[in-house]
N, C-alpha and C. Protein backbone atom coordinates (compact mmCIF):
# COMPACT_ATOMS: atom_id res chain seq x y z
N MET A 1 30.94 -4.40 -25.94
CA MET A 1 31.90 -4.39 -24.87
C MET A 1 31.55 -3.30 -23.87
N PHE A 2 31.51 -2.05 -24.30
CA PHE A 2 31.11 -0.94 -23.44
C PHE A 2 29.68 -0.56 -23.74
N THR A 3 29.03 -0.02 -22.74
CA THR A 3 27.72 0.56 -23.02
C THR A 3 27.96 1.93 -23.63
N ARG A 4 26.93 2.49 -24.22
CA ARG A 4 27.04 3.79 -24.90
C ARG A 4 27.52 4.87 -23.93
N PHE A 5 26.98 4.86 -22.70
CA PHE A 5 27.35 5.87 -21.70
C PHE A 5 28.82 5.73 -21.32
N ASN A 6 29.26 4.49 -21.08
CA ASN A 6 30.66 4.25 -20.69
C ASN A 6 31.61 4.67 -21.80
N GLU A 7 31.25 4.40 -23.06
CA GLU A 7 32.08 4.81 -24.18
C GLU A 7 32.20 6.32 -24.24
N THR A 8 31.11 7.02 -24.01
CA THR A 8 31.13 8.48 -24.04
C THR A 8 32.02 9.03 -22.94
N VAL A 9 31.89 8.50 -21.74
CA VAL A 9 32.73 8.94 -20.62
C VAL A 9 34.20 8.64 -20.93
N LEU A 10 34.47 7.47 -21.48
CA LEU A 10 35.84 7.10 -21.83
C LEU A 10 36.41 8.05 -22.89
N LYS A 11 35.60 8.42 -23.88
CA LYS A 11 36.06 9.35 -24.92
C LYS A 11 36.43 10.70 -24.32
N VAL A 12 35.61 11.19 -23.39
CA VAL A 12 35.88 12.49 -22.75
C VAL A 12 37.16 12.40 -21.93
N ILE A 13 37.31 11.31 -21.18
CA ILE A 13 38.53 11.14 -20.37
C ILE A 13 39.76 11.09 -21.26
N ILE A 14 39.68 10.39 -22.37
CA ILE A 14 40.81 10.29 -23.29
C ILE A 14 41.16 11.65 -23.88
N ILE A 15 40.15 12.41 -24.28
CA ILE A 15 40.41 13.73 -24.86
C ILE A 15 41.04 14.66 -23.82
N VAL A 16 40.54 14.63 -22.59
CA VAL A 16 41.12 15.45 -21.53
C VAL A 16 42.57 15.02 -21.27
N ALA A 17 42.82 13.71 -21.23
CA ALA A 17 44.18 13.21 -21.00
C ALA A 17 45.11 13.63 -22.14
N ILE A 18 44.63 13.59 -23.38
CA ILE A 18 45.44 14.03 -24.52
C ILE A 18 45.78 15.51 -24.38
N ILE A 19 44.81 16.32 -23.97
CA ILE A 19 45.06 17.76 -23.78
C ILE A 19 46.09 17.98 -22.68
N VAL A 20 45.97 17.24 -21.58
CA VAL A 20 46.93 17.37 -20.48
C VAL A 20 48.33 16.97 -20.96
N MET A 21 48.42 15.92 -21.76
CA MET A 21 49.72 15.48 -22.27
C MET A 21 50.31 16.50 -23.24
N PHE A 22 49.46 17.15 -24.06
CA PHE A 22 49.95 18.20 -24.95
C PHE A 22 50.48 19.39 -24.14
N ILE A 23 49.80 19.73 -23.07
CA ILE A 23 50.27 20.81 -22.20
C ILE A 23 51.62 20.44 -21.58
N THR A 24 51.73 19.18 -21.14
CA THR A 24 53.00 18.69 -20.58
C THR A 24 54.10 18.75 -21.64
N LEU A 25 53.78 18.31 -22.84
CA LEU A 25 54.73 18.34 -23.94
C LEU A 25 55.17 19.78 -24.23
N TYR A 26 54.22 20.69 -24.22
CA TYR A 26 54.51 22.10 -24.49
C TYR A 26 55.40 22.69 -23.40
N THR A 27 55.07 22.46 -22.13
CA THR A 27 55.85 23.05 -21.03
C THR A 27 57.26 22.47 -20.97
N THR A 28 57.40 21.18 -21.21
CA THR A 28 58.76 20.62 -21.21
C THR A 28 59.54 21.11 -22.42
N GLY A 29 58.87 21.33 -23.53
CA GLY A 29 59.53 21.89 -24.72
C GLY A 29 60.01 23.31 -24.45
N ILE A 30 59.19 24.10 -23.78
CA ILE A 30 59.59 25.47 -23.41
C ILE A 30 60.78 25.41 -22.46
N ALA A 31 60.76 24.44 -21.53
CA ALA A 31 61.88 24.28 -20.60
C ALA A 31 63.16 23.97 -21.37
N PHE A 32 63.07 23.16 -22.42
CA PHE A 32 64.24 22.86 -23.24
C PHE A 32 64.75 24.11 -23.94
N VAL A 33 63.83 24.91 -24.46
CA VAL A 33 64.21 26.15 -25.14
C VAL A 33 64.91 27.10 -24.17
N LEU A 34 64.46 27.11 -22.93
CA LEU A 34 65.05 27.99 -21.92
C LEU A 34 66.33 27.43 -21.32
N GLY A 35 66.73 26.23 -21.77
CA GLY A 35 68.01 25.67 -21.34
C GLY A 35 67.95 24.71 -20.18
N SER A 36 66.77 24.25 -19.79
CA SER A 36 66.64 23.32 -18.68
C SER A 36 66.61 21.88 -19.21
N TYR A 37 67.82 21.33 -19.45
CA TYR A 37 67.92 19.96 -19.97
C TYR A 37 68.14 18.99 -18.83
N THR A 38 67.13 18.79 -18.02
CA THR A 38 67.26 17.83 -16.93
C THR A 38 66.73 16.47 -17.37
N PHE A 39 67.17 15.44 -16.65
CA PHE A 39 66.72 14.09 -16.96
C PHE A 39 65.21 13.96 -16.79
N SER A 40 64.67 14.58 -15.74
CA SER A 40 63.23 14.48 -15.49
C SER A 40 62.42 15.18 -16.58
N ASN A 41 62.92 16.35 -17.08
CA ASN A 41 62.22 17.03 -18.18
C ASN A 41 62.21 16.17 -19.45
N LEU A 42 63.37 15.58 -19.74
CA LEU A 42 63.48 14.73 -20.93
C LEU A 42 62.57 13.51 -20.81
N LEU A 43 62.58 12.88 -19.63
CA LEU A 43 61.74 11.71 -19.40
C LEU A 43 60.26 12.08 -19.49
N LEU A 44 59.87 13.19 -18.89
CA LEU A 44 58.48 13.65 -18.92
C LEU A 44 58.05 13.98 -20.35
N HIS A 45 58.96 14.61 -21.10
CA HIS A 45 58.67 14.97 -22.49
C HIS A 45 58.42 13.72 -23.34
N LYS A 46 59.30 12.75 -23.22
CA LYS A 46 59.17 11.50 -23.99
C LYS A 46 57.95 10.69 -23.54
N LEU A 47 57.71 10.65 -22.25
CA LEU A 47 56.57 9.92 -21.71
C LEU A 47 55.25 10.53 -22.19
N ALA A 48 55.17 11.87 -22.19
CA ALA A 48 53.96 12.55 -22.66
C ALA A 48 53.71 12.23 -24.13
N ALA A 49 54.77 12.22 -24.94
CA ALA A 49 54.62 11.90 -26.37
C ALA A 49 54.14 10.46 -26.56
N LEU A 50 54.70 9.52 -25.82
CA LEU A 50 54.26 8.12 -25.92
C LEU A 50 52.81 7.95 -25.48
N ILE A 51 52.42 8.63 -24.41
CA ILE A 51 51.05 8.53 -23.92
C ILE A 51 50.08 9.12 -24.95
N ILE A 52 50.47 10.24 -25.57
CA ILE A 52 49.62 10.84 -26.62
C ILE A 52 49.41 9.85 -27.76
N ILE A 53 50.48 9.21 -28.20
CA ILE A 53 50.37 8.24 -29.30
C ILE A 53 49.44 7.08 -28.90
N GLY A 54 49.61 6.58 -27.68
CA GLY A 54 48.74 5.49 -27.21
C GLY A 54 47.29 5.91 -27.10
N LEU A 55 47.04 7.09 -26.53
CA LEU A 55 45.67 7.58 -26.37
C LEU A 55 45.02 7.89 -27.71
N LEU A 56 45.80 8.40 -28.67
CA LEU A 56 45.25 8.64 -30.01
C LEU A 56 44.83 7.32 -30.66
N GLY A 57 45.59 6.26 -30.41
CA GLY A 57 45.23 4.94 -30.92
C GLY A 57 43.90 4.45 -30.33
N VAL A 58 43.76 4.60 -29.01
CA VAL A 58 42.52 4.19 -28.35
C VAL A 58 41.36 5.06 -28.83
N HIS A 59 41.60 6.36 -28.95
CA HIS A 59 40.56 7.29 -29.43
C HIS A 59 40.12 6.91 -30.85
N ALA A 60 41.08 6.59 -31.70
CA ALA A 60 40.75 6.18 -33.08
C ALA A 60 39.94 4.89 -33.07
N TRP A 61 40.27 3.95 -32.18
CA TRP A 61 39.51 2.70 -32.11
C TRP A 61 38.08 2.97 -31.66
N LEU A 62 37.89 3.88 -30.70
CA LEU A 62 36.54 4.21 -30.25
C LEU A 62 35.75 4.94 -31.33
N ARG A 63 36.42 5.64 -32.22
CA ARG A 63 35.76 6.40 -33.29
C ARG A 63 35.83 5.65 -34.63
N ARG A 64 36.04 4.32 -34.58
CA ARG A 64 36.24 3.54 -35.80
C ARG A 64 35.08 3.63 -36.78
N CYS A 65 33.85 3.72 -36.28
CA CYS A 65 32.69 3.82 -37.18
C CYS A 65 32.74 5.14 -37.96
N THR A 66 33.04 6.21 -37.24
CA THR A 66 33.12 7.52 -37.89
C THR A 66 34.27 7.55 -38.88
N ILE A 67 35.40 7.00 -38.49
CA ILE A 67 36.57 6.98 -39.37
C ILE A 67 36.27 6.15 -40.62
N ARG A 68 35.63 4.99 -40.44
CA ARG A 68 35.28 4.14 -41.58
C ARG A 68 34.34 4.88 -42.53
N LYS A 69 33.35 5.56 -41.96
CA LYS A 69 32.39 6.30 -42.78
C LYS A 69 33.08 7.43 -43.54
N LEU A 70 33.96 8.17 -42.87
CA LEU A 70 34.69 9.24 -43.54
C LEU A 70 35.58 8.71 -44.66
N LEU A 71 36.22 7.57 -44.42
CA LEU A 71 37.05 6.97 -45.46
C LEU A 71 36.21 6.54 -46.66
N GLN A 72 35.06 5.92 -46.38
CA GLN A 72 34.17 5.50 -47.47
C GLN A 72 33.69 6.70 -48.28
N GLU A 73 33.33 7.78 -47.59
CA GLU A 73 32.87 8.99 -48.27
C GLU A 73 34.00 9.62 -49.07
N SER A 74 35.22 9.63 -48.52
CA SER A 74 36.37 10.19 -49.24
C SER A 74 36.67 9.40 -50.50
N ILE A 75 36.64 8.08 -50.39
CA ILE A 75 36.89 7.23 -51.56
C ILE A 75 35.81 7.45 -52.61
N ALA A 76 34.55 7.58 -52.16
CA ALA A 76 33.45 7.81 -53.09
C ALA A 76 33.62 9.15 -53.81
N ILE A 77 34.08 10.16 -53.10
CA ILE A 77 34.30 11.47 -53.72
C ILE A 77 35.45 11.39 -54.72
N ILE A 78 36.54 10.74 -54.33
CA ILE A 78 37.70 10.62 -55.22
C ILE A 78 37.34 9.84 -56.49
N LEU A 79 36.56 8.77 -56.32
CA LEU A 79 36.16 7.94 -57.47
C LEU A 79 34.92 8.48 -58.18
N ASN A 80 34.41 9.61 -57.70
CA ASN A 80 33.23 10.25 -58.28
C ASN A 80 32.02 9.30 -58.30
N LYS A 81 31.82 8.60 -57.19
CA LYS A 81 30.68 7.70 -57.05
C LYS A 81 29.65 8.35 -56.14
N HIS A 82 28.42 7.83 -56.23
CA HIS A 82 27.34 8.34 -55.38
C HIS A 82 27.59 7.94 -53.93
N ILE A 83 27.44 8.90 -53.02
CA ILE A 83 27.61 8.62 -51.59
C ILE A 83 26.27 8.21 -51.03
N ARG A 84 26.23 7.02 -50.47
CA ARG A 84 24.99 6.50 -49.88
C ARG A 84 24.95 6.91 -48.42
N ASN A 85 23.99 7.75 -48.07
CA ASN A 85 23.86 8.23 -46.70
C ASN A 85 22.65 7.56 -46.07
N GLU A 86 22.90 6.56 -45.24
CA GLU A 86 21.81 5.75 -44.69
C GLU A 86 21.08 6.41 -43.53
N ASP A 87 21.76 7.25 -42.80
CA ASP A 87 21.12 7.81 -41.61
C ASP A 87 20.93 9.32 -41.74
N ASN A 88 20.15 9.72 -42.72
CA ASN A 88 19.91 11.12 -42.95
C ASN A 88 18.75 11.58 -42.07
N ILE A 89 19.09 11.96 -40.86
CA ILE A 89 18.09 12.33 -39.87
C ILE A 89 17.29 13.56 -40.31
N ASP A 90 17.99 14.52 -40.88
CA ASP A 90 17.31 15.74 -41.32
C ASP A 90 16.21 15.44 -42.33
N PHE A 91 16.50 14.55 -43.27
CA PHE A 91 15.51 14.19 -44.28
C PHE A 91 14.28 13.56 -43.63
N LEU A 92 14.50 12.62 -42.72
CA LEU A 92 13.38 11.97 -42.04
C LEU A 92 12.54 12.97 -41.26
N ILE A 93 13.20 13.79 -40.47
CA ILE A 93 12.47 14.73 -39.62
C ILE A 93 11.74 15.76 -40.45
N GLN A 94 12.38 16.33 -41.47
CA GLN A 94 11.73 17.36 -42.28
C GLN A 94 10.50 16.83 -43.01
N ASN A 95 10.51 15.55 -43.35
CA ASN A 95 9.39 14.98 -44.09
C ASN A 95 8.33 14.32 -43.22
N THR A 96 8.57 14.26 -41.91
CA THR A 96 7.59 13.61 -41.05
C THR A 96 7.10 14.48 -39.90
N LYS A 97 7.81 15.55 -39.56
CA LYS A 97 7.45 16.30 -38.36
C LYS A 97 6.09 16.99 -38.45
N HIS A 98 5.61 17.30 -39.64
CA HIS A 98 4.31 17.96 -39.78
C HIS A 98 3.21 16.97 -40.16
N GLN A 99 3.54 15.69 -40.19
CA GLN A 99 2.55 14.66 -40.48
C GLN A 99 1.79 14.33 -39.20
N SER A 100 0.50 14.11 -39.33
CA SER A 100 -0.28 13.71 -38.16
C SER A 100 0.06 12.26 -37.81
N PHE A 101 -0.28 11.88 -36.59
CA PHE A 101 -0.05 10.50 -36.15
C PHE A 101 -0.75 9.54 -37.11
N HIS A 102 -1.97 9.86 -37.47
CA HIS A 102 -2.73 9.00 -38.39
C HIS A 102 -2.03 8.91 -39.75
N ALA A 103 -1.55 10.06 -40.27
CA ALA A 103 -0.86 10.07 -41.57
C ALA A 103 0.42 9.26 -41.51
N LEU A 104 1.15 9.33 -40.39
CA LEU A 104 2.37 8.53 -40.24
C LEU A 104 2.04 7.03 -40.24
N CYS A 105 0.98 6.69 -39.55
CA CYS A 105 0.57 5.27 -39.51
C CYS A 105 0.20 4.78 -40.90
N VAL A 106 -0.49 5.60 -41.66
CA VAL A 106 -0.86 5.22 -43.03
C VAL A 106 0.39 5.15 -43.91
N LEU A 107 1.25 6.15 -43.80
CA LEU A 107 2.46 6.23 -44.61
C LEU A 107 3.37 5.03 -44.42
N PHE A 108 3.56 4.64 -43.17
CA PHE A 108 4.48 3.54 -42.86
C PHE A 108 3.76 2.20 -42.64
N HIS A 109 2.46 2.16 -42.88
CA HIS A 109 1.65 0.94 -42.71
C HIS A 109 1.70 0.42 -41.27
N PHE A 110 1.62 1.36 -40.31
CA PHE A 110 1.56 1.00 -38.91
C PHE A 110 0.11 0.77 -38.51
N ASP A 111 -0.12 -0.14 -37.58
CA ASP A 111 -1.43 -0.33 -36.98
C ASP A 111 -1.57 0.75 -35.90
N ALA A 112 -2.45 1.72 -36.11
CA ALA A 112 -2.55 2.90 -35.25
C ALA A 112 -2.88 2.54 -33.79
N ASP A 113 -3.83 1.63 -33.59
CA ASP A 113 -4.20 1.26 -32.22
C ASP A 113 -3.05 0.56 -31.51
N PHE A 114 -2.41 -0.37 -32.19
CA PHE A 114 -1.25 -1.07 -31.64
C PHE A 114 -0.15 -0.07 -31.31
N MET A 115 0.11 0.85 -32.24
CA MET A 115 1.19 1.82 -32.07
C MET A 115 0.91 2.74 -30.89
N ARG A 116 -0.33 3.20 -30.76
CA ARG A 116 -0.70 4.09 -29.65
C ARG A 116 -0.48 3.36 -28.32
N GLU A 117 -0.90 2.10 -28.26
CA GLU A 117 -0.77 1.30 -27.04
C GLU A 117 0.71 1.09 -26.69
N LYS A 118 1.51 0.72 -27.68
CA LYS A 118 2.93 0.45 -27.43
C LYS A 118 3.70 1.73 -27.09
N LEU A 119 3.34 2.83 -27.72
CA LEU A 119 3.98 4.10 -27.40
C LEU A 119 3.67 4.50 -25.95
N LEU A 120 2.43 4.27 -25.54
CA LEU A 120 2.05 4.58 -24.17
C LEU A 120 2.85 3.73 -23.17
N GLU A 121 3.10 2.46 -23.54
CA GLU A 121 3.94 1.60 -22.69
C GLU A 121 5.35 2.16 -22.58
N ASN A 122 5.77 2.92 -23.60
CA ASN A 122 7.10 3.52 -23.61
C ASN A 122 7.05 4.99 -23.17
N HIS A 123 5.99 5.36 -22.45
CA HIS A 123 5.82 6.68 -21.85
C HIS A 123 5.69 7.80 -22.88
N ILE A 124 5.03 7.48 -23.99
CA ILE A 124 4.75 8.49 -25.02
C ILE A 124 3.26 8.45 -25.28
N ALA A 125 2.58 9.51 -24.90
CA ALA A 125 1.13 9.56 -25.05
C ALA A 125 0.76 10.29 -26.35
N VAL A 126 -0.13 9.67 -27.11
CA VAL A 126 -0.68 10.31 -28.31
C VAL A 126 -2.12 10.67 -27.97
N GLU A 127 -2.37 11.99 -27.79
CA GLU A 127 -3.69 12.43 -27.35
C GLU A 127 -4.74 12.34 -28.45
N LYS A 128 -4.38 12.80 -29.66
CA LYS A 128 -5.33 12.80 -30.78
C LYS A 128 -4.62 12.28 -32.03
N ASP A 129 -5.39 11.69 -32.92
CA ASP A 129 -4.83 11.21 -34.19
C ASP A 129 -4.32 12.35 -35.06
N GLU A 130 -4.82 13.56 -34.83
CA GLU A 130 -4.43 14.71 -35.64
C GLU A 130 -3.13 15.35 -35.14
N ASP A 131 -2.64 14.94 -33.98
CA ASP A 131 -1.39 15.49 -33.45
C ASP A 131 -0.24 15.14 -34.39
N THR A 132 0.60 16.14 -34.67
CA THR A 132 1.76 15.90 -35.52
C THR A 132 2.88 15.28 -34.70
N LEU A 133 3.87 14.76 -35.39
CA LEU A 133 5.03 14.20 -34.71
C LEU A 133 5.69 15.27 -33.83
N LYS A 134 5.73 16.48 -34.34
CA LYS A 134 6.31 17.60 -33.59
C LYS A 134 5.52 17.86 -32.31
N THR A 135 4.20 17.85 -32.42
CA THR A 135 3.33 18.08 -31.25
C THR A 135 3.48 16.96 -30.24
N ILE A 136 3.49 15.72 -30.73
CA ILE A 136 3.63 14.56 -29.83
C ILE A 136 4.96 14.66 -29.08
N ALA A 137 6.02 15.00 -29.79
CA ALA A 137 7.33 15.12 -29.16
C ALA A 137 7.33 16.23 -28.10
N LYS A 138 6.70 17.34 -28.42
CA LYS A 138 6.65 18.48 -27.50
C LYS A 138 5.86 18.13 -26.24
N HIS A 139 4.70 17.48 -26.42
CA HIS A 139 3.85 17.12 -25.27
C HIS A 139 4.52 16.09 -24.37
N ASN A 140 5.35 15.25 -24.94
CA ASN A 140 6.00 14.18 -24.16
C ASN A 140 7.44 14.51 -23.79
N ASP A 141 7.88 15.72 -24.15
CA ASP A 141 9.24 16.15 -23.88
C ASP A 141 10.26 15.13 -24.39
N LYS A 142 10.08 14.74 -25.65
CA LYS A 142 10.95 13.76 -26.31
C LYS A 142 11.44 14.33 -27.62
N ASP A 143 12.43 13.68 -28.21
CA ASP A 143 12.96 14.06 -29.50
C ASP A 143 12.11 13.42 -30.61
N MET A 144 11.82 14.19 -31.66
CA MET A 144 10.98 13.68 -32.76
C MET A 144 11.60 12.44 -33.40
N TYR A 145 12.90 12.48 -33.61
CA TYR A 145 13.59 11.35 -34.25
C TYR A 145 13.48 10.09 -33.39
N GLN A 146 13.63 10.23 -32.08
CA GLN A 146 13.54 9.08 -31.18
C GLN A 146 12.15 8.47 -31.23
N ILE A 147 11.12 9.31 -31.29
CA ILE A 147 9.75 8.79 -31.37
C ILE A 147 9.53 8.05 -32.68
N LEU A 148 9.96 8.65 -33.79
CA LEU A 148 9.80 8.00 -35.09
C LEU A 148 10.58 6.69 -35.14
N LEU A 149 11.78 6.70 -34.63
CA LEU A 149 12.59 5.49 -34.60
C LEU A 149 11.95 4.41 -33.73
N LEU A 150 11.37 4.82 -32.60
CA LEU A 150 10.67 3.87 -31.74
C LEU A 150 9.46 3.28 -32.45
N MET A 151 8.73 4.12 -33.18
CA MET A 151 7.57 3.62 -33.93
C MET A 151 8.00 2.58 -34.96
N MET A 152 9.09 2.85 -35.65
CA MET A 152 9.58 1.89 -36.65
C MET A 152 10.04 0.60 -35.98
N LYS A 153 10.72 0.73 -34.85
CA LYS A 153 11.19 -0.44 -34.12
C LYS A 153 10.00 -1.29 -33.65
N LEU A 154 8.99 -0.65 -33.10
CA LEU A 154 7.80 -1.37 -32.64
C LEU A 154 7.10 -2.08 -33.80
N HIS A 155 7.05 -1.42 -34.95
CA HIS A 155 6.43 -2.01 -36.13
C HIS A 155 7.21 -3.24 -36.60
N VAL A 156 8.52 -3.12 -36.63
CA VAL A 156 9.36 -4.26 -37.04
C VAL A 156 9.21 -5.41 -36.06
N GLU A 157 9.23 -5.10 -34.76
CA GLU A 157 9.10 -6.15 -33.75
C GLU A 157 7.75 -6.84 -33.82
N LYS A 158 6.71 -6.08 -34.16
CA LYS A 158 5.37 -6.67 -34.27
C LYS A 158 5.32 -7.65 -35.44
N ASN A 159 5.93 -7.26 -36.55
CA ASN A 159 5.86 -8.09 -37.75
C ASN A 159 6.95 -9.15 -37.82
N ASN A 160 7.96 -9.02 -36.99
CA ASN A 160 9.04 -9.99 -36.95
C ASN A 160 9.44 -10.17 -35.49
N PRO A 161 8.93 -11.20 -34.83
CA PRO A 161 9.16 -11.35 -33.39
C PRO A 161 10.63 -11.50 -33.01
N SER A 162 11.48 -11.90 -33.94
CA SER A 162 12.90 -12.03 -33.63
C SER A 162 13.72 -11.26 -34.67
N PRO A 163 13.72 -9.92 -34.57
CA PRO A 163 14.46 -9.12 -35.55
C PRO A 163 15.96 -9.37 -35.45
N ILE A 164 16.64 -9.18 -36.56
CA ILE A 164 18.08 -9.38 -36.61
C ILE A 164 18.74 -8.09 -36.16
N LEU A 165 19.56 -8.19 -35.13
CA LEU A 165 20.26 -7.02 -34.60
C LEU A 165 21.71 -7.06 -35.04
N ILE A 166 22.11 -6.09 -35.85
CA ILE A 166 23.48 -6.00 -36.33
C ILE A 166 24.00 -4.62 -35.98
N ASN A 167 25.17 -4.59 -35.36
CA ASN A 167 25.81 -3.32 -35.04
C ASN A 167 26.18 -2.62 -36.34
N SER A 168 25.89 -1.34 -36.44
CA SER A 168 26.15 -0.61 -37.67
C SER A 168 27.63 -0.57 -38.00
N CYS A 169 28.49 -0.74 -37.02
CA CYS A 169 29.94 -0.76 -37.28
C CYS A 169 30.37 -2.06 -37.95
N ASP A 170 29.58 -3.12 -37.78
CA ASP A 170 29.93 -4.42 -38.33
C ASP A 170 29.62 -4.52 -39.81
N ARG A 171 28.77 -3.60 -40.31
CA ARG A 171 28.43 -3.63 -41.74
C ARG A 171 29.57 -3.09 -42.56
N VAL A 172 29.75 -3.65 -43.73
CA VAL A 172 30.83 -3.17 -44.62
C VAL A 172 30.24 -2.32 -45.71
């Protein structure tokens, strides 16, 4: 529905609006404490509370993947089950950043020439086979994880011309 950028902007706008509504709620509450029981203060106070509830609902819907993941992890902890962490970026980066381009290609069964060509098409130059993922990222001013993920994506696309695209939020 939304692009990633639009969702991010919407999240920031919602958080700012929630903060503004909390400030409104606070100031009208202080006005009540000081004895200013006007119709406009009461209306503003109730309206701010309703808007906060509505915005929290929208914010929760935008963060549904994170909320689902936290709930799954909480249930796993309560039931003393193993927590399956599918996107452990630290693990991937720590175990691949010092690997040479050639070693990564061997490790993941990538075709080195194909990979070098496709990376170049994506504005990532691999100067030498001995360059590590960290060096390649530094020379191209890119993130190591993004480069590794792109390499995996290119490999999958090469071996499967029509890969199945599933939103991670749709998985149960």
